[in-house]
Every structure is written in C-alpha cells, then in structure tokens.
Amino acid sequence: MPGSTLLPPELQDLIIDRVAPDSGSLKHCALVCRTWHPRSSLHLFSTISVKSPGAFRALTTLAETNCALFALTHTLRLHMPGTYTLPEIIKLLHSVPQLRELSLAMFEVALATSLAALSVALPALCSLRLDSPSLPVWTKVLEMFGASAKQLCLLDLSGLRTDALPVVGRLLSQLGATLAALRIGFVDCIAGITEVAVKEHIALRHLPRLETLSIANLSFHPGYLCSTSYAWVPHVLHQCSAKEVILELGFPPVIGGGFFVPRVSRRVSEHLLDWVPWSECAESLDKDTQVVLDIWPRVMVKEDAVLDAVRRRMHAVNLARPLRLAV
C-alpha cells in the first residue's frame, strides 16, 4: 500500500515462523504478498505424508522441478502400497536436507544397484521408523542408514524376521549414546531360531541413555505363537537399564482387511501371559523399571483380568515393580 511502512525482513520471517503450526494461517500468509509467499510455502511442506503411489509420483516430480520447497521439511512419512526402487527413494531423500523424522512402511522395494551408489547422508535425522525390514532388499535399506545411526534418538524396527537379524545387529552396533527410544518388533518368527539369532546379533550395552525399550512379538498368524515365542526376551532386557520397558504381545487385529475370529483371538490371548518367561525377565530388569504390557488385539483384553493375572505371575517370581497396561 502507498505510504505504508515495510516490516523488516527478519520480523516478517518471525511472523511466518510463529504461525507455521497452523496450516490455514500459513495459506493466508502465502497470499498476503509476493515477499511472504516463498517462506510460507516452505513451512507448508514441513511435514509430508504420502499414502498412495500417485501422491509419491507427484512428490518426486515436484522435488525434481522445485526442490527448494523442501528446504524446511523435517518430517517425511512414506506409507504407500506398491513397488519402488531404492534410487527413487534416495533421490527424494536428497531433496530434504533438514529431515529429522523419517518413516518408511507398507511398500515393496525392487532390486537395487550396489549399496555404495545408494548411500545417503541425513545429518539432521533423529527419528527413524522402518516397517517390515526383513526382505533381502530391505536389509539394504537398513544398511543405507548406517551413516545416520550414531545421531538417532529414536529407532523403530517393526516386522523383523530372523533373516534380517545380522544386518539389524550391524545397524544397532552403529547407534550412538543419543538413542533414547528403541523398538524391535518380530513377526512370524520360528521361536528357537529367533532366540539363538537374537543372542548372537542383538547388543544394547553401548546405549547408556536408552530410556524406553519396546519389544514386540506381534505375529500375523496365531499358529506362530507358542510357549517358546518369548524365550529371547530376557536376553534383550538383560542388556539395558531402560526406565521403561514395553512388552507388545499377541498379534495385530487387522489381517488382510479383516479381523481374526474372536474365538481364536481369545484363545491365543489367554495363553500369552503364560508364555512370557517372567522369572528370567525378573532377573534381567532393574527394580525401578516401569513395565508396560501392550496386548493385541486390545479389544479382546479386559484390563482388570489381565492386570490381576500379571500381578499373580509377578508375585510368584518376586517381581514387584510398577506395572500398567497399554490401552
């Protein structure tokens, strides 16, 4: 406007940065004037969540034509079905230099070139979530983040099988003292092999600041769960002094778009607590450790009944400690 006083650029940027969490306000800021549009646009891309192949293609095209839009992107979630190549994923990651949180899930990875050609450096990355990194190419994905492992504060590895444990072990060995939360999830494991492999490859003693350790054994088939399914758990617990330990037991309720038959769910849930080696866990845990039970499917769990059953088992092994049930 004629005769109006212009705000200093630093103050303009401060105003935009303060309203950044509100996407509606950001869109209005982008329309105020040409000088406000660039920084407002950057904040609009601070968090990106991709849930379809079409959205992924559009995002990669945008990254090629206007990569400056991703200068302030700090969170990227790629949860889309389909098959993609590692070069596609790497090319997109190179467009987000300030990325702090990365989550990869649901999609398949096609056979890739040599790992040396696919290495990626994410200097700001502090949170990494990988779902089902058990296929051969997923092991390359795990290796790919070795350079960023030392700075991570959170690492979530879901859906592991024993064939991925060697590379998982190498990734864990590269973690640094900054790691505060770790989740290791196993799916469809053969219990005996899993126990041996875990003892051979999983080492956590070099993580002094680990506060929350989540151990999951969520099988996609009730038949994979048996009395030896959790024999490996005490070995992992024995290696850390986390303030909180979360035990995820059971199996996810949704399989192939449907639910397990309630009768099967209840029958398996009834035996879960009997299969946990409570005595060995008691010897491995610090007396002040908060224990959290997360039993799936949650809809089948009655809180009072489960807590009473767990307390009876804890009392039997002299495991007196804080206990709560995830809901």
Protein backbone atom coordinates (compact mmCIF):
# COMPACT_ATOMS: atom_id res chain seq x y z
CA MET A 1 0.00 0.00 0.00
CA PRO A 2 1.30 3.54 -0.80
CA GLY A 3 2.78 5.26 2.24
CA SER A 4 2.76 2.11 4.38
CA THR A 5 5.78 1.13 6.44
CA LEU A 6 7.51 -2.08 5.41
CA LEU A 7 8.31 -4.58 8.11
CA PRO A 8 11.95 -5.63 8.36
CA PRO A 9 12.55 -8.98 6.60
CA GLU A 10 13.61 -10.58 9.89
CA LEU A 11 10.30 -9.61 11.51
CA GLN A 12 8.34 -10.90 8.52
CA ASP A 13 10.11 -14.24 8.78
CA LEU A 14 9.45 -14.35 12.53
CA ILE A 15 5.73 -13.80 12.00
CA ILE A 16 5.54 -16.58 9.43
CA ASP A 17 7.59 -18.95 11.60
CA ARG A 18 5.28 -18.37 14.58
CA VAL A 19 2.13 -19.25 12.64
CA ALA A 20 3.79 -22.23 10.92
CA PRO A 21 1.99 -24.93 13.00
CA ASP A 22 -1.37 -23.62 11.70
CA SER A 23 -1.60 -24.63 8.04
CA GLY A 24 -4.68 -22.46 7.49
CA SER A 25 -2.87 -19.33 8.67
CA LEU A 26 0.13 -20.28 6.56
CA LYS A 27 -2.02 -20.41 3.44
CA HIS A 28 -3.30 -16.91 4.22
CA CYS A 29 0.26 -15.69 4.76
CA ALA A 30 1.25 -17.08 1.37
CA LEU A 31 -1.43 -14.88 -0.23
CA VAL A 32 -0.54 -11.64 1.59
CA CYS A 33 2.19 -10.56 -0.80
CA ARG A 34 4.95 -11.88 -3.03
CA THR A 35 7.60 -11.49 -0.33
CA TRP A 36 5.65 -13.67 2.12
CA HIS A 37 4.89 -16.42 -0.36
CA PRO A 38 8.28 -18.22 -0.50
CA ARG A 39 8.78 -18.72 3.25
CA SER A 40 5.12 -19.59 3.80
CA SER A 41 5.36 -22.22 1.08
CA LEU A 42 8.41 -23.74 2.75
CA HIS A 43 6.52 -24.22 6.02
CA LEU A 44 3.57 -25.78 4.20
CA PHE A 45 5.94 -28.62 3.26
CA SER A 46 7.42 -29.04 6.75
CA THR A 47 5.55 -32.35 7.20
CA ILE A 48 4.88 -34.63 4.24
CA SER A 49 2.78 -37.80 4.44
CA VAL A 50 2.44 -39.98 1.33
CA LYS A 51 -0.21 -42.72 1.29
CA SER A 52 -0.66 -43.58 -2.40
CA PRO A 53 1.51 -44.31 -5.46
CA GLY A 54 0.05 -41.29 -7.24
CA ALA A 55 0.99 -38.98 -4.39
CA PHE A 56 4.52 -40.40 -4.38
CA ARG A 57 4.93 -39.78 -8.12
CA ALA A 58 3.64 -36.23 -7.73
CA LEU A 59 6.03 -35.61 -4.85
CA THR A 60 9.08 -36.90 -6.73
CA THR A 61 8.15 -34.77 -9.75
CA LEU A 62 7.81 -31.71 -7.54
CA ALA A 63 11.17 -32.47 -5.93
CA GLU A 64 12.79 -32.54 -9.37
CA THR A 65 11.22 -29.30 -10.58
CA ASN A 66 11.21 -27.23 -7.38
CA CYS A 67 13.44 -28.84 -4.75
CA ALA A 68 13.68 -25.51 -2.86
CA LEU A 69 10.19 -26.19 -1.47
CA PHE A 70 11.64 -28.94 0.74
CA ALA A 71 14.30 -26.83 2.43
CA LEU A 72 12.36 -26.82 5.74
CA THR A 73 10.86 -30.32 5.53
CA HIS A 74 11.53 -32.06 8.85
CA THR A 75 9.07 -34.99 8.76
CA LEU A 76 8.58 -37.44 5.89
CA ARG A 77 6.24 -40.45 6.01
CA LEU A 78 6.17 -42.81 3.04
CA HIS A 79 3.34 -45.26 3.79
CA MET A 80 2.13 -46.15 0.32
CA PRO A 81 1.42 -49.54 -1.27
CA GLY A 82 3.24 -50.55 -4.43
CA THR A 83 6.75 -51.39 -5.58
CA TYR A 84 9.50 -48.79 -5.79
CA THR A 85 13.23 -48.74 -6.40
CA LEU A 86 15.84 -47.60 -3.94
CA PRO A 87 17.15 -44.94 -6.36
CA GLU A 88 13.67 -43.38 -6.31
CA ILE A 89 13.66 -43.28 -2.52
CA ILE A 90 17.23 -41.99 -2.31
CA LYS A 91 16.59 -39.25 -4.85
CA LEU A 92 13.68 -37.99 -2.77
CA LEU A 93 15.71 -38.12 0.46
CA HIS A 94 18.42 -36.00 -1.14
CA SER A 95 15.78 -33.28 -1.55
CA VAL A 96 15.15 -32.96 2.20
CA PRO A 97 18.46 -31.91 3.81
CA GLN A 98 16.81 -30.84 7.10
CA LEU A 99 14.88 -34.08 7.59
CA ARG A 100 14.58 -35.04 11.28
CA GLU A 101 11.87 -37.74 11.21
CA LEU A 102 11.59 -40.47 8.57
CA SER A 103 9.06 -43.30 8.45
CA LEU A 104 9.00 -45.96 5.71
CA ALA A 105 6.24 -48.58 5.63
CA MET A 106 3.85 -50.71 3.58
CA PHE A 107 5.64 -50.67 0.24
CA GLU A 108 7.90 -53.17 -1.53
CA VAL A 109 11.42 -52.32 -2.66
CA ALA A 110 12.57 -53.53 -6.07
CA LEU A 111 16.06 -54.98 -6.59
CA ALA A 112 18.59 -52.17 -6.43
CA THR A 113 22.10 -51.36 -7.51
CA SER A 114 25.15 -51.55 -5.27
CA LEU A 115 24.83 -50.05 -1.83
CA ALA A 116 27.77 -47.71 -2.35
CA ALA A 117 25.82 -45.93 -5.08
CA LEU A 118 22.79 -45.54 -2.81
CA SER A 119 24.31 -44.24 0.39
CA VAL A 120 22.52 -41.22 1.80
CA ALA A 121 23.61 -38.75 4.45
CA LEU A 122 20.87 -37.18 6.57
CA PRO A 123 22.77 -35.02 9.07
CA ALA A 124 19.65 -33.82 10.92
CA LEU A 125 17.88 -37.21 11.16
CA CYS A 126 16.98 -38.14 14.75
CA SER A 127 13.94 -40.43 14.33
CA LEU A 128 13.81 -43.45 12.01
CA ARG A 129 10.90 -45.89 11.65
CA LEU A 130 11.11 -48.88 9.30
CA ASP A 131 8.21 -51.30 8.98
CA SER A 132 8.89 -54.92 7.89
CA PRO A 133 12.62 -54.58 7.06
CA SER A 134 13.01 -58.33 6.60
CA LEU A 135 13.11 -58.89 2.85
CA PRO A 136 16.56 -59.06 1.19
CA VAL A 137 16.33 -55.57 -0.29
CA TRP A 138 15.02 -54.16 2.98
CA THR A 139 18.31 -55.22 4.52
CA LYS A 140 19.98 -52.87 2.04
CA VAL A 141 17.64 -50.15 3.27
CA LEU A 142 18.84 -50.82 6.82
CA GLU A 143 22.46 -50.63 5.73
CA MET A 144 21.70 -47.41 3.90
CA PHE A 145 21.07 -45.56 7.15
CA GLY A 146 24.26 -46.69 8.86
CA ALA A 147 25.82 -43.25 8.36
CA SER A 148 22.94 -41.63 10.26
CA ALA A 149 22.68 -44.21 13.05
CA LYS A 150 25.01 -42.53 15.54
CA GLN A 151 22.84 -39.40 15.82
CA LEU A 152 19.45 -41.13 16.18
CA CYS A 153 17.29 -40.51 19.26
CA LEU A 154 14.53 -42.93 18.20
CA LEU A 155 14.75 -46.14 16.17
CA ASP A 156 11.68 -48.26 15.39
CA LEU A 157 12.22 -51.56 13.57
CA SER A 158 8.91 -53.36 13.08
CA GLY A 159 8.14 -56.68 11.44
CA LEU A 160 11.59 -58.25 11.67
CA ARG A 161 12.32 -61.87 10.86
CA THR A 162 15.45 -63.81 11.68
CA ASP A 163 16.87 -63.46 8.18
CA ALA A 164 17.27 -59.72 8.81
CA LEU A 165 18.89 -60.01 12.25
CA PRO A 166 22.54 -59.87 11.09
CA VAL A 167 22.07 -56.54 9.33
CA VAL A 168 19.88 -55.29 12.19
CA GLY A 169 22.69 -56.18 14.56
CA ARG A 170 25.14 -54.14 12.48
CA LEU A 171 22.78 -51.17 12.49
CA LEU A 172 22.31 -51.41 16.27
CA SER A 173 26.09 -51.54 16.75
CA GLN A 174 26.38 -48.18 14.98
CA LEU A 175 23.89 -46.43 17.26
CA GLY A 176 25.27 -43.69 19.47
CA ALA A 177 24.77 -42.51 23.03
CA THR A 178 21.95 -40.18 21.93
CA LEU A 179 19.44 -43.03 21.43
CA ALA A 180 16.58 -42.67 23.94
CA ALA A 181 13.90 -44.98 22.48
CA LEU A 182 14.23 -48.31 20.68
CA ARG A 183 11.52 -50.63 19.36
CA ILE A 184 12.34 -54.06 17.99
CA GLY A 185 9.40 -55.96 16.53
CA PHE A 186 9.37 -59.57 15.38
CA VAL A 187 6.71 -61.09 13.14
CA ASP A 188 6.24 -64.75 12.16
CA CYS A 189 9.47 -65.98 13.71
CA ILE A 190 10.38 -69.57 14.46
CA ALA A 191 10.92 -69.26 18.19
CA GLY A 192 14.03 -71.44 18.58
CA ILE A 193 15.91 -69.85 15.70
CA THR A 194 14.90 -66.38 16.86
CA GLU A 195 16.30 -66.92 20.35
CA VAL A 196 19.67 -68.11 19.02
CA ALA A 197 19.86 -65.32 16.45
CA VAL A 198 18.93 -62.64 18.96
CA LYS A 199 21.65 -63.76 21.35
CA GLU A 200 24.17 -63.67 18.53
CA HIS A 201 23.29 -60.34 16.94
CA ILE A 202 21.43 -58.04 19.35
CA ALA A 203 23.69 -55.94 21.59
CA LEU A 204 22.48 -52.88 23.53
CA ARG A 205 25.05 -52.34 26.27
CA HIS A 206 26.59 -49.38 24.41
CA LEU A 207 23.37 -47.32 24.75
CA PRO A 208 23.64 -45.63 28.18
CA ARG A 209 20.80 -43.13 27.59
CA LEU A 210 18.19 -45.62 26.42
CA GLU A 211 15.03 -44.72 28.36
CA THR A 212 12.31 -46.71 26.58
CA LEU A 213 12.75 -50.20 25.16
CA SER A 214 9.81 -51.74 23.28
CA ILE A 215 9.92 -55.43 22.46
CA ALA A 216 7.22 -56.70 20.13
CA ASN A 217 6.28 -60.20 19.10
CA LEU A 218 3.19 -59.49 17.02
CA SER A 219 2.58 -62.48 14.79
CA PHE A 220 0.38 -62.25 11.72
CA HIS A 221 -0.75 -65.83 12.31
CA PRO A 222 -1.84 -67.27 15.69
CA GLY A 223 -0.14 -70.55 14.85
CA TYR A 224 3.29 -68.91 15.06
CA LEU A 225 2.83 -68.08 18.74
CA CYS A 226 3.69 -70.83 21.18
CA SER A 227 5.19 -71.41 24.62
CA THR A 228 8.73 -70.64 23.35
CA SER A 229 7.85 -67.50 21.37
CA TYR A 230 9.23 -65.18 24.05
CA ALA A 231 12.28 -67.11 25.20
CA TRP A 232 14.57 -64.47 23.67
CA VAL A 233 13.06 -61.54 25.62
CA PRO A 234 15.15 -61.84 28.84
CA HIS A 235 18.38 -61.71 26.80
CA VAL A 236 17.41 -58.32 25.38
CA LEU A 237 16.19 -56.98 28.73
CA HIS A 238 19.40 -58.03 30.44
CA GLN A 239 21.45 -55.71 28.22
CA CYS A 240 19.94 -52.37 29.12
CA SER A 241 18.78 -50.36 32.12
CA ALA A 242 15.87 -48.57 30.44
CA LYS A 243 13.45 -46.71 32.71
CA GLU A 244 10.50 -48.11 30.78
CA VAL A 245 10.07 -51.50 29.11
CA ILE A 246 7.09 -52.08 26.83
CA LEU A 247 6.20 -55.69 26.04
CA GLU A 248 3.96 -55.95 22.97
CA LEU A 249 2.37 -59.39 22.91
CA GLY A 250 -0.11 -61.10 20.60
CA PHE A 251 -0.91 -60.28 17.00
CA PRO A 252 -2.35 -57.29 15.09
CA PRO A 253 -6.16 -57.42 14.90
CA VAL A 254 -6.40 -56.48 11.23
CA ILE A 255 -5.18 -59.06 8.72
CA GLY A 256 -5.89 -58.64 5.02
CA GLY A 257 -8.58 -56.06 5.74
CA GLY A 258 -10.49 -58.25 8.21
CA PHE A 259 -10.44 -59.33 11.83
CA PHE A 260 -9.39 -62.63 13.33
CA VAL A 261 -12.26 -64.77 14.54
CA PRO A 262 -12.90 -63.61 18.15
CA ARG A 263 -12.82 -67.20 19.40
CA VAL A 264 -9.27 -67.63 18.03
CA SER A 265 -8.18 -64.26 19.40
CA ARG A 266 -9.44 -65.04 22.88
CA ARG A 267 -7.85 -68.48 22.93
CA VAL A 268 -4.43 -67.13 21.96
CA SER A 269 -4.71 -64.14 24.33
CA GLU A 270 -5.46 -66.47 27.24
CA HIS A 271 -2.07 -68.16 26.82
CA LEU A 272 0.11 -65.10 26.13
CA LEU A 273 0.85 -64.36 29.77
CA ASP A 274 1.73 -67.99 30.43
CA TRP A 275 4.28 -67.94 27.62
CA VAL A 276 6.29 -64.97 28.93
CA PRO A 277 9.33 -66.19 30.94
CA TRP A 278 8.55 -63.96 33.92
CA SER A 279 11.22 -65.42 36.19
CA GLU A 280 14.02 -64.73 33.69
CA CYS A 281 12.58 -61.27 33.00
CA ALA A 282 12.57 -60.52 36.72
CA GLU A 283 16.27 -61.27 36.94
CA SER A 284 17.01 -59.06 33.92
CA LEU A 285 15.04 -55.94 34.87
CA ASP A 286 16.07 -53.20 37.25
CA LYS A 287 13.74 -53.00 40.26
CA ASP A 288 12.58 -49.46 39.36
CA THR A 289 11.82 -50.20 35.73
CA GLN A 290 8.28 -49.35 34.63
CA VAL A 291 6.75 -52.34 32.84
CA VAL A 292 4.04 -51.69 30.26
CA LEU A 293 2.04 -54.54 28.73
CA ASP A 294 0.52 -53.90 25.30
CA ILE A 295 -1.54 -56.98 24.43
CA TRP A 296 -3.06 -57.30 20.97
CA PRO A 297 -5.80 -57.40 19.93
CA ARG A 298 -6.67 -54.81 22.56
CA VAL A 299 -10.40 -55.22 22.01
CA MET A 300 -10.11 -58.73 23.48
CA VAL A 301 -8.33 -57.65 26.64
CA LYS A 302 -10.21 -56.91 29.84
CA GLU A 303 -7.96 -54.64 31.85
CA ASP A 304 -8.76 -55.89 35.35
CA ALA A 305 -8.48 -59.56 34.40
CA VAL A 306 -5.17 -59.07 32.60
CA LEU A 307 -3.64 -56.97 35.37
CA ASP A 308 -4.71 -59.46 38.02
CA ALA A 309 -3.22 -62.33 36.02
CA VAL A 310 0.05 -60.47 35.52
CA ARG A 311 0.31 -59.47 39.16
CA ARG A 312 -0.15 -63.09 40.19
CA ARG A 313 2.71 -64.14 37.94
CA MET A 314 4.90 -61.27 39.12
CA HIS A 315 4.22 -62.11 42.74
CA ALA A 316 5.12 -65.73 42.06
CA VAL A 317 8.56 -64.72 40.76
CA ASN A 318 9.01 -61.88 43.28
CA LEU A 319 8.77 -59.25 40.53
CA ALA A 320 7.41 -56.29 42.49
CA ARG A 321 7.64 -53.22 40.29
CA PRO A 322 5.50 -50.52 38.64
CA LEU A 323 3.08 -52.03 36.14
CA ARG A 324 0.49 -50.62 33.78
CA LEU A 325 -1.49 -51.86 30.82
CA ALA A 326 -1.49 -50.02 27.49
CA VAL A 327 -4.98 -49.18 26.26
